[in-house]
Amino acid sequence: MGSSSYILLTALLALAAWQAIASDPSPLQDFCVADNSSRVLVNGFICKDPKDVKAEDFFLAAKLDTPRDTKMNKVGSNVTLINVMRIPGLNTLGISLARIDYAPLGENPPHTHPRATEILTVLEGTLYVGFVTSNPENKFLSKVLNKGDVFVFPEGLIHFQFNPNPYKPAVAIAALSSQNPGAITIANAVFGSKPLISDDVLAKAFQVDKKTVDWLQAQFWADNHN
């Protein structure tokens, strides 16, 4: 192999390796506690000086053993997310978690996490869960989970959890593979955007009349995260 071909091959392999890790690089030091006082804008947060780091940067008295209010919205669920905005020490570590409380017949409605895979464990009750694969198949995969069961939602795919029990609440804990996984609730984003998406666009997309779209856009699309 000539030297020019070797250099080209090496460059292509290096580029492929960089692409493989570019979305979630490993930390280059023990930790990078977020400096929330910095005004510098980066992809993530600027690191606090390690000399100023304290145990409190990695701690939060989150009271995740305490039931949350599931009557605060119409969907009957309450998501308590613990991410880098609440624990600065999570910065660059690629992980966060959430407690999710479900009222009887409550649900965490169809949504996506644009930056994270989710693994969910049922602590109490029963949940009907599922996700839909990307185009063109749009295959729907679902499962009924009981206490102690675990289910995975791949990154970016639309998924949901529903409590089918009309009498008993349910509780789950979810771990997510990002310090800031993000959440896009489908109904809220489509029908509750600010400003509103044109009803001509949505009527065409959903193959319904504009009156139906206008009615949906007039609803109050509450956020179930806190």
Protein backbone atom coordinates (compact mmCIF):
# COMPACT_ATOMS: atom_id res chain seq x y z
CA MET A 1 0.00 0.00 0.00
CA GLY A 2 1.35 3.42 -0.98
CA SER A 3 1.92 6.11 1.63
CA SER A 4 -0.89 8.29 0.29
CA SER A 5 -3.35 5.37 0.41
CA TYR A 6 -2.25 4.54 3.95
CA ILE A 7 -2.76 8.13 5.08
CA LEU A 8 -6.21 8.22 3.46
CA LEU A 9 -7.22 4.94 5.11
CA THR A 10 -5.98 6.16 8.49
CA ALA A 11 -7.91 9.41 8.11
CA LEU A 12 -11.12 7.57 7.20
CA LEU A 13 -10.78 5.23 10.19
CA ALA A 14 -10.16 8.19 12.49
CA LEU A 15 -13.21 9.98 11.10
CA ALA A 16 -15.36 6.87 11.58
CA ALA A 17 -14.17 6.51 15.16
CA TRP A 18 -14.86 10.19 15.87
CA GLN A 19 -18.38 9.89 14.46
CA ALA A 20 -19.00 6.84 16.65
CA ILE A 21 -18.32 8.76 19.87
CA ALA A 22 -19.25 12.31 18.87
CA SER A 23 -22.80 12.14 20.24
CA ASP A 24 -21.78 11.05 23.75
CA PRO A 25 -18.05 11.48 24.44
CA SER A 26 -16.52 10.14 27.63
CA PRO A 27 -15.33 12.62 30.29
CA LEU A 28 -11.68 13.63 30.08
CA GLN A 29 -11.36 14.07 33.84
CA ASP A 30 -12.90 12.63 37.02
CA PHE A 31 -15.77 15.11 36.90
CA CYS A 32 -16.83 18.45 35.48
CA VAL A 33 -19.27 19.99 37.95
CA ALA A 34 -21.48 22.50 36.15
CA ASP A 35 -20.73 26.14 36.89
CA ASN A 36 -24.22 27.60 36.69
CA SER A 37 -22.91 31.11 37.31
CA SER A 38 -20.90 31.17 34.07
CA ARG A 39 -22.30 33.12 31.13
CA VAL A 40 -20.18 31.21 28.61
CA LEU A 41 -22.37 29.19 26.25
CA VAL A 42 -21.15 25.69 25.41
CA ASN A 43 -22.73 22.34 24.55
CA GLY A 44 -23.42 21.47 28.18
CA PHE A 45 -22.00 23.54 31.03
CA ILE A 46 -18.66 25.08 31.87
CA CYS A 47 -16.72 23.20 34.58
CA LYS A 48 -16.42 24.62 38.06
CA ASP A 49 -12.84 24.91 39.35
CA PRO A 50 -12.11 21.48 40.95
CA LYS A 51 -10.75 23.26 44.02
CA ASP A 52 -14.25 24.68 44.64
CA VAL A 53 -16.13 21.40 44.23
CA LYS A 54 -18.03 20.13 47.29
CA ALA A 55 -19.97 16.98 48.12
CA GLU A 56 -23.18 19.03 47.78
CA ASP A 57 -22.48 19.35 44.04
CA PHE A 58 -23.25 15.63 43.75
CA PHE A 59 -26.19 15.56 46.18
CA LEU A 60 -29.88 16.41 46.16
CA ALA A 61 -32.43 15.81 48.92
CA ALA A 62 -34.96 14.85 46.26
CA LYS A 63 -37.39 12.96 48.55
CA LEU A 64 -38.01 10.42 45.79
CA ASP A 65 -39.64 8.18 48.39
CA THR A 66 -42.52 10.69 48.64
CA PRO A 67 -45.62 10.28 46.40
CA ARG A 68 -46.21 13.14 43.98
CA ASP A 69 -49.45 14.92 43.12
CA THR A 70 -51.03 13.29 40.06
CA LYS A 71 -54.09 15.57 40.03
CA MET A 72 -52.15 18.58 38.77
CA ASN A 73 -52.93 17.82 35.10
CA LYS A 74 -55.47 16.00 32.94
CA VAL A 75 -53.17 13.10 32.00
CA GLY A 76 -52.88 11.93 35.62
CA SER A 77 -49.12 11.62 35.97
CA ASN A 78 -46.24 13.49 37.55
CA VAL A 79 -42.62 13.21 36.35
CA THR A 80 -39.91 14.29 38.80
CA LEU A 81 -36.73 14.59 36.72
CA ILE A 82 -33.31 14.69 38.36
CA ASN A 83 -30.89 16.03 35.76
CA VAL A 84 -27.85 18.30 35.54
CA MET A 85 -29.95 21.37 36.30
CA ARG A 86 -30.67 19.88 39.74
CA ILE A 87 -27.38 18.08 40.43
CA PRO A 88 -24.45 20.03 38.90
CA GLY A 89 -22.14 17.04 39.37
CA LEU A 90 -24.00 15.19 36.60
CA ASN A 91 -22.39 17.44 33.99
CA THR A 92 -20.59 15.32 31.31
CA LEU A 93 -21.48 12.05 33.04
CA GLY A 94 -24.29 11.14 30.63
CA ILE A 95 -26.94 10.01 33.11
CA SER A 96 -30.08 11.22 34.88
CA LEU A 97 -33.17 9.69 36.46
CA ALA A 98 -36.84 10.32 37.10
CA ARG A 99 -39.58 9.22 39.46
CA ILE A 100 -42.92 8.87 37.67
CA ASP A 101 -46.21 8.73 39.57
CA TYR A 102 -49.39 7.58 37.83
CA ALA A 103 -52.94 8.08 39.06
CA PRO A 104 -55.46 5.27 38.47
CA LEU A 105 -55.93 5.30 34.67
CA GLY A 106 -53.21 7.95 34.47
CA GLU A 107 -50.57 8.02 31.76
CA ASN A 108 -47.28 9.53 30.78
CA PRO A 109 -48.48 10.41 27.27
CA PRO A 110 -46.63 9.64 24.01
CA HIS A 111 -43.33 11.52 23.99
CA THR A 112 -39.70 11.21 22.95
CA HIS A 113 -36.33 11.87 24.56
CA PRO A 114 -34.18 13.35 21.77
CA ARG A 115 -30.91 12.73 23.62
CA ALA A 116 -31.41 9.59 25.70
CA THR A 117 -32.34 5.94 25.93
CA GLU A 118 -34.59 5.19 28.90
CA ILE A 119 -34.74 2.11 31.11
CA LEU A 120 -37.81 1.99 33.35
CA THR A 121 -38.50 -0.10 36.46
CA VAL A 122 -41.96 -0.49 37.99
CA LEU A 123 -41.88 0.02 41.77
CA GLU A 124 -45.59 -0.24 42.48
CA GLY A 125 -48.64 -1.23 40.45
CA THR A 126 -49.02 -2.20 36.81
CA LEU A 127 -48.11 -0.29 33.65
CA TYR A 128 -48.96 -0.82 29.99
CA VAL A 129 -46.00 0.55 28.03
CA GLY A 130 -44.87 0.70 24.43
CA PHE A 131 -42.90 2.45 21.71
CA VAL A 132 -43.13 2.87 17.93
CA THR A 133 -40.21 2.35 15.56
CA SER A 134 -39.20 4.88 12.91
CA ASN A 135 -40.51 5.17 9.34
CA PRO A 136 -41.40 3.32 7.22
CA GLU A 137 -42.29 0.34 9.45
CA ASN A 138 -43.74 2.25 12.45
CA LYS A 139 -43.89 -1.06 14.30
CA PHE A 140 -45.62 -0.86 17.67
CA LEU A 141 -43.98 -2.86 20.49
CA SER A 142 -45.83 -3.03 23.82
CA LYS A 143 -45.85 -4.91 27.12
CA VAL A 144 -47.76 -5.04 30.40
CA LEU A 145 -45.32 -4.54 33.29
CA ASN A 146 -45.79 -5.53 36.90
CA LYS A 147 -43.87 -4.61 40.04
CA GLY A 148 -40.17 -5.29 39.57
CA ASP A 149 -40.34 -5.52 35.76
CA VAL A 150 -37.98 -3.52 33.53
CA PHE A 151 -38.48 -2.11 30.01
CA VAL A 152 -36.23 -0.15 27.65
CA PHE A 153 -37.26 2.73 25.35
CA PRO A 154 -34.64 3.36 22.64
CA GLU A 155 -33.35 6.89 22.17
CA GLY A 156 -35.55 9.22 20.16
CA LEU A 157 -38.50 6.83 19.67
CA ILE A 158 -42.06 7.78 20.62
CA HIS A 159 -43.14 5.91 23.77
CA PHE A 160 -45.65 6.03 26.62
CA GLN A 161 -46.68 4.47 29.94
CA PHE A 162 -50.29 3.95 31.03
CA ASN A 163 -51.71 2.72 34.35
CA PRO A 164 -54.61 0.41 33.38
CA ASN A 165 -55.82 -0.03 36.97
CA PRO A 166 -58.89 2.14 37.69
CA TYR A 167 -58.43 1.87 41.46
CA LYS A 168 -54.71 1.82 42.32
CA PRO A 169 -51.86 4.22 41.49
CA ALA A 170 -48.52 3.13 40.05
CA VAL A 171 -44.93 4.31 40.52
CA ALA A 172 -41.83 3.83 38.37
CA ILE A 173 -38.21 4.92 38.34
CA ALA A 174 -36.48 5.63 35.03
CA ALA A 175 -32.79 6.03 34.25
CA LEU A 176 -31.82 8.01 31.14
CA SER A 177 -28.54 8.02 29.26
CA SER A 178 -28.02 11.78 29.23
CA GLN A 179 -27.42 14.50 31.78
CA ASN A 180 -30.19 16.41 29.97
CA PRO A 181 -32.37 13.93 28.04
CA GLY A 182 -35.03 16.41 26.98
CA ALA A 183 -38.68 15.49 26.43
CA ILE A 184 -41.01 16.25 23.54
CA THR A 185 -44.64 15.41 24.39
CA ILE A 186 -46.21 14.78 21.00
CA ALA A 187 -49.67 16.29 21.60
CA ASN A 188 -48.23 19.35 23.34
CA ALA A 189 -45.68 19.98 20.60
CA VAL A 190 -48.09 19.50 17.69
CA PHE A 191 -51.23 21.18 19.04
CA GLY A 192 -49.82 23.46 21.74
CA SER A 193 -46.80 25.03 20.01
CA LYS A 194 -46.11 28.75 20.44
CA PRO A 195 -47.04 30.20 18.00
CA LEU A 196 -49.54 27.62 16.75
CA ILE A 197 -48.81 25.56 13.66
CA SER A 198 -51.15 26.47 10.81
CA ASP A 199 -54.37 24.46 10.94
CA ASP A 200 -54.02 23.97 7.16
CA VAL A 201 -50.77 22.11 7.80
CA LEU A 202 -52.15 19.95 10.60
CA ALA A 203 -55.46 19.23 8.85
CA LYS A 204 -53.52 17.92 5.87
CA ALA A 205 -51.07 15.94 8.02
CA PHE A 206 -53.75 14.23 10.14
CA GLN A 207 -56.36 14.02 7.36
CA VAL A 208 -59.05 15.75 9.41
CA ASP A 209 -61.01 18.97 8.93
CA LYS A 210 -59.69 22.27 10.25
CA LYS A 211 -62.45 22.53 12.86
CA THR A 212 -61.06 19.42 14.57
CA VAL A 213 -57.56 20.92 14.53
CA ASP A 214 -58.84 24.23 15.87
CA TRP A 215 -60.62 22.41 18.72
CA LEU A 216 -57.46 20.49 19.62
CA GLN A 217 -55.37 23.65 19.55
CA ALA A 218 -57.84 25.34 21.89
CA GLN A 219 -57.25 22.73 24.62
CA PHE A 220 -54.90 23.36 27.55
CA TRP A 221 -51.85 21.15 26.99
CA ALA A 222 -50.40 20.83 30.48
CA ASP A 223 -46.84 19.76 31.24
CA ASN A 224 -46.59 16.76 33.59
CA HIS A 225 -42.90 17.41 34.45
CA ASN A 226 -41.68 19.20 37.56
